[in-house]
C-alpha atoms as a PDB file:
ATOM      1  CA  GLN A   1      19.981   8.620-150.125  1.00  0.00           C
ATOM      2  CA  VAL A   2      19.909  12.294-150.973  1.00  0.00           C
ATOM      3  CA  GLN A   3      20.222  14.737-148.107  1.00  0.00           C
ATOM      4  CA  LEU A   4      19.885  18.501-148.245  1.00  0.00           C
ATOM      5  CA  VAL A   5      20.870  20.634-145.274  1.00  0.00           C
ATOM      6  CA  GLU A   6      20.166  24.364-145.253  1.00  0.00           C
ATOM      7  CA  SER A   7      21.957  26.905-143.101  1.00  0.00           C
ATOM      8  CA  GLY A   8      22.478  30.638-142.851  1.00  0.00           C
ATOM      9  CA  GLY A   9      19.043  31.797-141.793  1.00  0.00           C
ATOM     10  CA  GLY A  10      18.486  34.248-138.981  1.00  0.00           C
ATOM     11  CA  LEU A  11      17.150  37.614-137.922  1.00  0.00           C
ATOM     12  CA  VAL A  12      18.124  40.680-139.941  1.00  0.00           C
ATOM     13  CA  GLN A  13      16.901  44.248-140.235  1.00  0.00           C
ATOM     14  CA  ALA A  14      15.177  45.489-143.343  1.00  0.00           C
ATOM     15  CA  GLY A  15      17.727  46.462-145.957  1.00  0.00           C
ATOM     16  CA  GLY A  16      20.206  43.904-144.712  1.00  0.00           C
ATOM     17  CA  SER A  17      21.643  40.794-146.343  1.00  0.00           C
ATOM     18  CA  LEU A  18      21.876  37.093-145.676  1.00  0.00           C
ATOM     19  CA  ARG A  19      23.401  34.183-147.553  1.00  0.00           C
ATOM     20  CA  LEU A  20      21.705  30.824-147.316  1.00  0.00           C
ATOM     21  CA  SER A  21      23.594  27.631-148.030  1.00  0.00           C
ATOM     22  CA  CYS A  22      22.340  24.189-148.947  1.00  0.00           C
ATOM     23  CA  ALA A  23      24.776  21.321-148.672  1.00  0.00           C
ATOM     24  CA  ALA A  24      23.871  18.217-150.636  1.00  0.00           C
ATOM     25  CA  SER A  25      25.027  14.647-150.238  1.00  0.00           C
ATOM     26  CA  GLY A  26      24.127  11.195-151.443  1.00  0.00           C
ATOM     27  CA  ARG A  27      24.631  11.505-155.199  1.00  0.00           C
ATOM     28  CA  THR A  28      26.577  13.375-157.891  1.00  0.00           C
ATOM     29  CA  PHE A  29      25.510  16.928-157.111  1.00  0.00           C
ATOM     30  CA  SER A  30      26.685  18.449-160.365  1.00  0.00           C
ATOM     31  CA  ARG A  31      24.139  16.523-162.451  1.00  0.00           C
ATOM     32  CA  TYR A  32      21.014  17.963-160.829  1.00  0.00           C
ATOM     33  CA  ALA A  33      19.214  21.288-160.930  1.00  0.00           C
ATOM     34  CA  MET A  34      18.499  22.933-157.600  1.00  0.00           C
ATOM     35  CA  GLY A  35      15.890  25.356-156.333  1.00  0.00           C
ATOM     36  CA  TRP A  36      14.946  27.540-153.402  1.00  0.00           C
ATOM     37  CA  PHE A  37      11.385  27.938-152.187  1.00  0.00           C
ATOM     38  CA  ARG A  38       9.896  29.730-149.197  1.00  0.00           C
ATOM     39  CA  GLN A  39       6.815  29.576-147.034  1.00  0.00           C
ATOM     40  CA  ALA A  40       5.599  32.515-145.009  1.00  0.00           C
ATOM     41  CA  PRO A  41       3.223  32.067-142.052  1.00  0.00           C
ATOM     42  CA  GLY A  42      -0.297  31.371-143.262  1.00  0.00           C
ATOM     43  CA  LYS A  43       0.749  31.215-146.899  1.00  0.00           C
ATOM     44  CA  GLU A  44       1.520  28.509-149.400  1.00  0.00           C
ATOM     45  CA  ARG A  45       5.083  27.634-150.280  1.00  0.00           C
ATOM     46  CA  GLU A  46       6.307  29.629-153.263  1.00  0.00           C
ATOM     47  CA  PHE A  47       9.174  29.574-155.717  1.00  0.00           C
ATOM     48  CA  VAL A  48      12.169  31.830-155.122  1.00  0.00           C
ATOM     49  CA  ALA A  49      14.985  30.789-157.457  1.00  0.00           C
ATOM     50  CA  ALA A  50      16.383  27.862-159.411  1.00  0.00           C
ATOM     51  CA  ILE A  51      19.663  27.003-161.074  1.00  0.00           C
ATOM     52  CA  SER A  52      20.600  24.497-163.748  1.00  0.00           C
ATOM     53  CA  TRP A  53      22.852  21.539-163.077  1.00  0.00           C
ATOM     54  CA  GLY A  54      25.858  23.290-164.559  1.00  0.00           C
ATOM     55  CA  GLY A  55      25.045  26.678-163.068  1.00  0.00           C
ATOM     56  CA  GLY A  56      24.828  28.449-166.402  1.00  0.00           C
ATOM     57  CA  SER A  57      21.089  29.119-166.258  1.00  0.00           C
ATOM     58  CA  THR A  58      19.114  30.661-163.418  1.00  0.00           C
ATOM     59  CA  ASN A  59      15.484  31.536-162.852  1.00  0.00           C
ATOM     60  CA  VAL A  60      14.379  34.019-160.187  1.00  0.00           C
ATOM     61  CA  ALA A  61      10.874  34.941-159.029  1.00  0.00           C
ATOM     62  CA  GLY A  62       9.706  38.415-159.896  1.00  0.00           C
ATOM     63  CA  SER A  63       9.239  39.350-156.252  1.00  0.00           C
ATOM     64  CA  VAL A  64      12.957  38.933-155.535  1.00  0.00           C
ATOM     65  CA  LYS A  65      14.500  39.748-158.892  1.00  0.00           C
ATOM     66  CA  GLY A  66      17.343  42.196-158.581  1.00  0.00           C
ATOM     67  CA  ARG A  67      17.724  41.422-154.871  1.00  0.00           C
ATOM     68  CA  PHE A  68      18.329  37.655-154.666  1.00  0.00           C
ATOM     69  CA  THR A  69      20.931  35.633-156.548  1.00  0.00           C
ATOM     70  CA  ILE A  70      21.297  31.864-156.767  1.00  0.00           C
ATOM     71  CA  VAL A  71      24.682  30.304-157.410  1.00  0.00           C
ATOM     72  CA  ARG A  72      26.198  26.875-156.974  1.00  0.00           C
ATOM     73  CA  ASP A  73      29.616  25.449-156.264  1.00  0.00           C
ATOM     74  CA  ASN A  74      29.701  21.944-157.648  1.00  0.00           C
ATOM     75  CA  ALA A  75      33.107  21.311-156.125  1.00  0.00           C
ATOM     76  CA  LYS A  76      31.571  21.874-152.682  1.00  0.00           C
ATOM     77  CA  ASN A  77      28.205  20.229-153.426  1.00  0.00           C
ATOM     78  CA  THR A  78      26.530  23.424-152.277  1.00  0.00           C
ATOM     79  CA  VAL A  79      23.982  25.858-153.635  1.00  0.00           C
ATOM     80  CA  TYR A  80      23.665  29.378-152.240  1.00  0.00           C
ATOM     81  CA  LEU A  81      20.980  32.011-152.114  1.00  0.00           C
ATOM     82  CA  GLN A  82      22.385  35.495-151.692  1.00  0.00           C
ATOM     83  CA  MET A  83      19.668  37.788-150.379  1.00  0.00           C
ATOM     84  CA  ASN A  84      20.204  41.545-150.440  1.00  0.00           C
ATOM     85  CA  SER A  85      17.941  44.493-149.649  1.00  0.00           C
ATOM     86  CA  LEU A  86      15.757  42.275-147.528  1.00  0.00           C
ATOM     87  CA  LYS A  87      12.197  43.325-146.767  1.00  0.00           C
ATOM     88  CA  PRO A  88       9.834  42.255-143.973  1.00  0.00           C
ATOM     89  CA  GLU A  89       7.771  40.417-146.579  1.00  0.00           C
ATOM     90  CA  ASP A  90      10.762  38.146-147.211  1.00  0.00           C
ATOM     91  CA  THR A  91      10.200  36.621-143.777  1.00  0.00           C
ATOM     92  CA  ALA A  92       9.626  32.902-144.279  1.00  0.00           C
ATOM     93  CA  VAL A  93      11.056  29.441-143.904  1.00  0.00           C
ATOM     94  CA  TYR A  94      13.363  28.878-146.863  1.00  0.00           C
ATOM     95  CA  TYR A  95      13.684  25.417-148.359  1.00  0.00           C
ATOM     96  CA  CYS A  96      16.293  23.964-150.644  1.00  0.00           C
ATOM     97  CA  ALA A  97      15.120  21.424-153.215  1.00  0.00           C
ATOM     98  CA  ALA A  98      16.731  19.122-155.747  1.00  0.00           C
ATOM     99  CA  ARG A  99      15.425  17.617-158.940  1.00  0.00           C
ATOM    100  CA  GLY A 100      15.366  13.856-159.181  1.00  0.00           C
ATOM    101  CA  SER A 101      16.228  13.574-162.869  1.00  0.00           C
ATOM    102  CA  PRO A 102      19.806  14.267-163.964  1.00  0.00           C
ATOM    103  CA  PHE A 103      20.387  17.144-166.363  1.00  0.00           C
ATOM    104  CA  ALA A 104      16.807  18.394-166.082  1.00  0.00           C
ATOM    105  CA  SER A 105      16.305  22.141-165.969  1.00  0.00           C
ATOM    106  CA  GLY A 106      15.720  24.218-162.888  1.00  0.00           C
ATOM    107  CA  THR A 107      12.051  25.163-162.800  1.00  0.00           C
ATOM    108  CA  GLY A 108       9.706  27.077-160.548  1.00  0.00           C
ATOM    109  CA  TYR A 109       7.352  24.154-160.014  1.00  0.00           C
ATOM    110  CA  GLN A 110       7.496  22.397-156.665  1.00  0.00           C
ATOM    111  CA  ALA A 111       6.246  19.145-158.178  1.00  0.00           C
ATOM    112  CA  ASP A 112       9.407  18.956-160.295  1.00  0.00           C
ATOM    113  CA  TYR A 113      11.578  18.542-157.203  1.00  0.00           C
ATOM    114  CA  ASP A 114      11.975  15.208-155.503  1.00  0.00           C
ATOM    115  CA  TYR A 115      14.176  16.069-152.552  1.00  0.00           C
ATOM    116  CA  TRP A 116      13.737  18.767-149.922  1.00  0.00           C
ATOM    117  CA  GLY A 117      15.685  20.109-146.998  1.00  0.00           C
ATOM    118  CA  GLN A 118      14.274  20.784-143.565  1.00  0.00           C
ATOM    119  CA  GLY A 119      14.171  24.534-144.045  1.00  0.00           C
ATOM    120  CA  THR A 120      15.843  27.513-142.413  1.00  0.00           C
ATOM    121  CA  GLN A 121      14.024  30.469-140.875  1.00  0.00           C
ATOM    122  CA  VAL A 122      14.634  33.971-142.196  1.00  0.00           C
ATOM    123  CA  THR A 123      13.096  36.835-140.264  1.00  0.00           C
ATOM    124  CA  VAL A 124      13.345  40.418-141.475  1.00  0.00           C
ATOM    125  CA  SER A 125      12.433  43.111-138.983  1.00  0.00           C
ATOM    126  CA  SER A 126      11.156  46.527-140.003  1.00  0.00           C
END
């Protein structure tokens, strides 16, 4: 049974930084692409970033490009989202997701991900 547990959310001022973590368990982490998505109040969940199973390929949404970075540590079964220069519009619940097929690419499509974490709240004050 795959489990994803996010942590690292919180309240930060605009311009600040946070690092989210997603710890995975239940299968061989290094074989599966991972992604981060977010959902702001009253809005649909949207893609933030994705990373390939080996970590060599990443994909970042245009709205966060240059500010957010996704990395993974396969030895620790953890994927991270480093968020810099945060803006109030980054306020959302952030979700970690994992693909169900081994060695598939990290995409921006929610339907490609079979496993989801419970989410962690990020609030950016102006």
